[in-house]
Amino acid sequence: MSRSRRLALVAQLLSGRRFSSQEELARALGRAGVHVTQATLSRDLRSLGVAKRPDAGGHSVYELPGPAHEALDRERQLLDLRAFVNETRVAQNLTVVKTPPGHANAVARAIDLAAFDGVVGSVAGDDTVLVVTADAGAAKRFQRRLDGISGRRAGAGK
């Protein structure tokens, strides 16, 4: 499994339940078919900006950075773009970005936080993001950059 997919799985697990130790999280990853060393898991948690904080009951648990922390590290911003962009299509000054079901919001947020040149804004559904750019040229440049980040050939999926 690629690092970006593993990071996405770690983030998904942390979003779904509370983990009080790396061993607990490693076991959950193992049940999902991903076996990692403690050192790898520790690096992954650091890359995602995960911190250990007390929960309502006073127990320390791992927690992803919340929406109030707009300063997500570059790796975290690019993670959703690398892992979840399936296809891009341009129509005039609009770019349609296809994602797996349930991932469009994360991709739209990553696009917004990345502040691509020429991007005016984005709207997300369940598996589609509509990105509005200043003009048709900006849309093509955005598509090339996004396809490059996601590891796809520019314009693939037309």
C-alpha atoms as a PDB file:
ATOM      1  CA  MET A   1       0.000   0.000   0.000  1.00  0.00           C
ATOM      2  CA  SER A   2       1.323   3.444  -0.890  1.00  0.00           C
ATOM      3  CA  ARG A   3       2.183   5.936   1.835  1.00  0.00           C
ATOM      4  CA  SER A   4      -0.565   8.328   0.757  1.00  0.00           C
ATOM      5  CA  ARG A   5      -3.206   5.568   0.914  1.00  0.00           C
ATOM      6  CA  ARG A   6      -1.899   4.466   4.323  1.00  0.00           C
ATOM      7  CA  LEU A   7      -2.086   8.069   5.580  1.00  0.00           C
ATOM      8  CA  ALA A   8      -5.638   8.312   4.270  1.00  0.00           C
ATOM      9  CA  LEU A   9      -6.553   5.112   6.153  1.00  0.00           C
ATOM     10  CA  VAL A  10      -4.955   6.392   9.375  1.00  0.00           C
ATOM     11  CA  ALA A  11      -6.917   9.641   9.046  1.00  0.00           C
ATOM     12  CA  GLN A  12     -10.126   7.700   8.383  1.00  0.00           C
ATOM     13  CA  LEU A  13      -9.590   5.506  11.442  1.00  0.00           C
ATOM     14  CA  LEU A  14      -8.846   8.507  13.658  1.00  0.00           C
ATOM     15  CA  SER A  15     -11.968  10.255  12.382  1.00  0.00           C
ATOM     16  CA  GLY A  16     -14.143   7.267  13.242  1.00  0.00           C
ATOM     17  CA  ARG A  17     -13.040   6.396  16.764  1.00  0.00           C
ATOM     18  CA  ARG A  18     -10.710   7.242  19.640  1.00  0.00           C
ATOM     19  CA  PHE A  19      -7.304   5.587  20.030  1.00  0.00           C
ATOM     20  CA  SER A  20      -5.283   5.990  23.213  1.00  0.00           C
ATOM     21  CA  SER A  21      -2.089   4.300  22.006  1.00  0.00           C
ATOM     22  CA  GLN A  22      -0.130   3.674  18.840  1.00  0.00           C
ATOM     23  CA  GLU A  23      -0.416  -0.057  19.537  1.00  0.00           C
ATOM     24  CA  GLU A  24      -4.221   0.209  19.428  1.00  0.00           C
ATOM     25  CA  LEU A  25      -4.067   2.130  16.158  1.00  0.00           C
ATOM     26  CA  ALA A  26      -1.534  -0.332  14.697  1.00  0.00           C
ATOM     27  CA  ARG A  27      -3.894  -3.232  15.528  1.00  0.00           C
ATOM     28  CA  ALA A  28      -6.771  -1.436  13.768  1.00  0.00           C
ATOM     29  CA  LEU A  29      -4.542  -0.897  10.736  1.00  0.00           C
ATOM     30  CA  GLY A  30      -3.593  -4.581  10.856  1.00  0.00           C
ATOM     31  CA  ARG A  31      -7.258  -5.580  10.829  1.00  0.00           C
ATOM     32  CA  ALA A  32      -7.582  -3.433   7.692  1.00  0.00           C
ATOM     33  CA  GLY A  33      -4.704  -5.362   6.120  1.00  0.00           C
ATOM     34  CA  VAL A  34      -2.003  -2.728   6.686  1.00  0.00           C
ATOM     35  CA  HIS A  35       0.915  -3.766   8.890  1.00  0.00           C
ATOM     36  CA  VAL A  36       3.240  -0.979  10.025  1.00  0.00           C
ATOM     37  CA  THR A  37       6.126  -0.607  12.426  1.00  0.00           C
ATOM     38  CA  GLN A  38       5.862   1.755  15.386  1.00  0.00           C
ATOM     39  CA  ALA A  39       8.408   4.086  13.745  1.00  0.00           C
ATOM     40  CA  THR A  40       6.376   4.264  10.519  1.00  0.00           C
ATOM     41  CA  LEU A  41       3.152   4.889  12.410  1.00  0.00           C
ATOM     42  CA  SER A  42       4.832   7.606  14.466  1.00  0.00           C
ATOM     43  CA  ARG A  43       6.041   9.351  11.266  1.00  0.00           C
ATOM     44  CA  ASP A  44       2.555   9.011   9.743  1.00  0.00           C
ATOM     45  CA  LEU A  45       0.923  10.589  12.788  1.00  0.00           C
ATOM     46  CA  ARG A  46       3.424  13.463  12.678  1.00  0.00           C
ATOM     47  CA  SER A  47       2.774  13.974   8.930  1.00  0.00           C
ATOM     48  CA  LEU A  48      -0.957  14.194   9.550  1.00  0.00           C
ATOM     49  CA  GLY A  49      -0.495  16.711  12.368  1.00  0.00           C
ATOM     50  CA  VAL A  50      -2.047  14.316  14.888  1.00  0.00           C
ATOM     51  CA  ALA A  51      -1.739  15.306  18.546  1.00  0.00           C
ATOM     52  CA  LYS A  52      -2.524  13.461  21.753  1.00  0.00           C
ATOM     53  CA  ARG A  53      -5.110  15.382  23.761  1.00  0.00           C
ATOM     54  CA  PRO A  54      -7.384  14.616  26.703  1.00  0.00           C
ATOM     55  CA  ASP A  55     -10.930  13.606  25.748  1.00  0.00           C
ATOM     56  CA  ALA A  56     -14.082  14.502  27.726  1.00  0.00           C
ATOM     57  CA  GLY A  57     -13.287  11.765  30.242  1.00  0.00           C
ATOM     58  CA  GLY A  58      -9.721  12.967  30.771  1.00  0.00           C
ATOM     59  CA  HIS A  59      -8.104  10.083  28.869  1.00  0.00           C
ATOM     60  CA  SER A  60      -5.392  10.948  26.322  1.00  0.00           C
ATOM     61  CA  VAL A  61      -6.396  10.112  22.746  1.00  0.00           C
ATOM     62  CA  TYR A  62      -4.958  10.784  19.299  1.00  0.00           C
ATOM     63  CA  GLU A  63      -6.768  13.548  17.458  1.00  0.00           C
ATOM     64  CA  LEU A  64      -6.544  14.940  13.943  1.00  0.00           C
ATOM     65  CA  PRO A  65      -6.188  18.705  13.635  1.00  0.00           C
ATOM     66  CA  GLY A  66      -9.631  20.328  13.676  1.00  0.00           C
ATOM     67  CA  PRO A  67     -11.146  22.743  11.170  1.00  0.00           C
ATOM     68  CA  ALA A  68     -10.060  25.676  13.318  1.00  0.00           C
ATOM     69  CA  HIS A  69      -6.448  24.803  12.495  1.00  0.00           C
ATOM     70  CA  GLU A  70      -6.308  26.072   8.917  1.00  0.00           C
ATOM     71  CA  ALA A  71      -2.541  25.594   8.890  1.00  0.00           C
ATOM     72  CA  LEU A  72      -2.579  21.946   7.815  1.00  0.00           C
ATOM     73  CA  ASP A  73       0.892  20.875   6.744  1.00  0.00           C
ATOM     74  CA  ARG A  74       1.634  20.567   3.035  1.00  0.00           C
ATOM     75  CA  GLU A  75       1.701  16.769   3.188  1.00  0.00           C
ATOM     76  CA  ARG A  76      -1.804  16.680   4.637  1.00  0.00           C
ATOM     77  CA  GLN A  77      -3.165  19.104   2.035  1.00  0.00           C
ATOM     78  CA  LEU A  78      -1.701  17.100  -0.807  1.00  0.00           C
ATOM     79  CA  LEU A  79      -2.754  13.736   0.653  1.00  0.00           C
ATOM     80  CA  ASP A  80      -6.406  14.102  -0.361  1.00  0.00           C
ATOM     81  CA  LEU A  81      -5.415  15.383  -3.807  1.00  0.00           C
ATOM     82  CA  ARG A  82      -3.020  12.480  -4.415  1.00  0.00           C
ATOM     83  CA  ALA A  83      -5.276   9.781  -3.014  1.00  0.00           C
ATOM     84  CA  PHE A  84      -8.753  10.816  -4.123  1.00  0.00           C
ATOM     85  CA  VAL A  85      -8.606  12.615  -7.480  1.00  0.00           C
ATOM     86  CA  ASN A  86      -9.835  10.098 -10.066  1.00  0.00           C
ATOM     87  CA  GLU A  87     -10.532  12.295 -13.071  1.00  0.00           C
ATOM     88  CA  THR A  88     -10.491  15.931 -14.150  1.00  0.00           C
ATOM     89  CA  ARG A  89     -12.375  17.548 -17.023  1.00  0.00           C
ATOM     90  CA  VAL A  90     -12.351  21.158 -18.165  1.00  0.00           C
ATOM     91  CA  ALA A  91     -15.269  23.079 -19.683  1.00  0.00           C
ATOM     92  CA  GLN A  92     -14.487  26.755 -20.313  1.00  0.00           C
ATOM     93  CA  ASN A  93     -13.477  28.202 -16.928  1.00  0.00           C
ATOM     94  CA  LEU A  94     -14.835  25.221 -14.957  1.00  0.00           C
ATOM     95  CA  THR A  95     -13.035  22.063 -13.898  1.00  0.00           C
ATOM     96  CA  VAL A  96     -14.970  18.984 -12.799  1.00  0.00           C
ATOM     97  CA  VAL A  97     -12.993  16.764 -10.421  1.00  0.00           C
ATOM     98  CA  LYS A  98     -14.284  13.216  -9.854  1.00  0.00           C
ATOM     99  CA  THR A  99     -13.500  11.443  -6.559  1.00  0.00           C
ATOM    100  CA  PRO A 100     -14.541   8.207  -4.882  1.00  0.00           C
ATOM    101  CA  PRO A 101     -17.935   8.513  -3.141  1.00  0.00           C
ATOM    102  CA  GLY A 102     -17.720  10.536   0.050  1.00  0.00           C
ATOM    103  CA  HIS A 103     -14.389  12.246  -0.709  1.00  0.00           C
ATOM    104  CA  ALA A 104     -15.383  15.350  -2.653  1.00  0.00           C
ATOM    105  CA  ASN A 105     -15.535  17.600   0.432  1.00  0.00           C
ATOM    106  CA  ALA A 106     -11.996  16.682   1.487  1.00  0.00           C
ATOM    107  CA  VAL A 107     -10.680  17.255  -2.038  1.00  0.00           C
ATOM    108  CA  ALA A 108     -12.485  20.619  -2.328  1.00  0.00           C
ATOM    109  CA  ARG A 109     -11.065  21.705   1.024  1.00  0.00           C
ATOM    110  CA  ALA A 110      -7.553  20.703  -0.038  1.00  0.00           C
ATOM    111  CA  ILE A 111      -7.986  22.655  -3.293  1.00  0.00           C
ATOM    112  CA  ASP A 112      -9.193  25.716  -1.379  1.00  0.00           C
ATOM    113  CA  LEU A 113      -6.357  25.528   1.174  1.00  0.00           C
ATOM    114  CA  ALA A 114      -3.737  25.038  -1.555  1.00  0.00           C
ATOM    115  CA  ALA A 115      -4.709  28.417  -3.074  1.00  0.00           C
ATOM    116  CA  PHE A 116      -4.022  27.463  -6.689  1.00  0.00           C
ATOM    117  CA  ASP A 117      -3.443  30.444  -8.999  1.00  0.00           C
ATOM    118  CA  GLY A 118      -6.591  31.388 -10.886  1.00  0.00           C
ATOM    119  CA  VAL A 119      -8.974  29.340  -8.728  1.00  0.00           C
ATOM    120  CA  VAL A 120     -11.947  31.411  -7.585  1.00  0.00           C
ATOM    121  CA  GLY A 121     -13.607  28.693  -5.474  1.00  0.00           C
ATOM    122  CA  SER A 122     -15.059  25.213  -5.372  1.00  0.00           C
ATOM    123  CA  VAL A 123     -18.343  23.447  -4.647  1.00  0.00           C
ATOM    124  CA  ALA A 124     -18.414  19.818  -3.512  1.00  0.00           C
ATOM    125  CA  GLY A 125     -21.032  17.112  -3.740  1.00  0.00           C
ATOM    126  CA  ASP A 126     -20.534  13.484  -2.762  1.00  0.00           C
ATOM    127  CA  ASP A 127     -18.142  12.378  -5.512  1.00  0.00           C
ATOM    128  CA  THR A 128     -17.735  15.516  -7.634  1.00  0.00           C
ATOM    129  CA  VAL A 129     -16.052  18.879  -7.099  1.00  0.00           C
ATOM    130  CA  LEU A 130     -16.810  21.841  -9.356  1.00  0.00           C
ATOM    131  CA  VAL A 131     -13.872  24.258  -9.429  1.00  0.00           C
ATOM    132  CA  VAL A 132     -14.459  27.744 -10.819  1.00  0.00           C
ATOM    133  CA  THR A 133     -11.427  29.511 -12.280  1.00  0.00           C
ATOM    134  CA  ALA A 134     -10.898  33.028 -13.569  1.00  0.00           C
ATOM    135  CA  ASP A 135     -10.816  31.946 -17.220  1.00  0.00           C
ATOM    136  CA  ALA A 136     -10.350  28.957 -19.544  1.00  0.00           C
ATOM    137  CA  GLY A 137      -6.550  29.238 -19.443  1.00  0.00           C
ATOM    138  CA  ALA A 138      -6.557  29.123 -15.653  1.00  0.00           C
ATOM    139  CA  ALA A 139      -8.799  26.043 -15.787  1.00  0.00           C
ATOM    140  CA  LYS A 140      -6.329  24.196 -18.046  1.00  0.00           C
ATOM    141  CA  ARG A 141      -3.372  25.210 -15.852  1.00  0.00           C
ATOM    142  CA  PHE A 142      -5.255  24.067 -12.745  1.00  0.00           C
ATOM    143  CA  GLN A 143      -6.092  20.743 -14.422  1.00  0.00           C
ATOM    144  CA  ARG A 144      -2.421  20.163 -15.329  1.00  0.00           C
ATOM    145  CA  ARG A 145      -1.273  20.974 -11.773  1.00  0.00           C
ATOM    146  CA  LEU A 146      -3.935  18.775 -10.167  1.00  0.00           C
ATOM    147  CA  ASP A 147      -3.256  15.884 -12.539  1.00  0.00           C
ATOM    148  CA  GLY A 148       0.460  16.222 -11.752  1.00  0.00           C
ATOM    149  CA  ILE A 149      -0.147  16.133  -7.993  1.00  0.00           C
ATOM    150  CA  SER A 150      -2.465  13.138  -8.274  1.00  0.00           C
ATOM    151  CA  GLY A 151       0.084  11.276 -10.411  1.00  0.00           C
ATOM    152  CA  ARG A 152      -2.170  11.144 -13.449  1.00  0.00           C
ATOM    153  CA  ARG A 153      -1.299  12.170 -16.979  1.00  0.00           C
ATOM    154  CA  ALA A 154      -2.501  15.695 -17.645  1.00  0.00           C
ATOM    155  CA  GLY A 155      -5.975  15.546 -19.127  1.00  0.00           C
ATOM    156  CA  ALA A 156      -6.398  11.787 -18.596  1.00  0.00           C
ATOM    157  CA  GLY A 157     -10.020  10.804 -18.318  1.00  0.00           C
ATOM    158  CA  LYS A 158     -11.332  13.222 -20.930  1.00  0.00           C
END
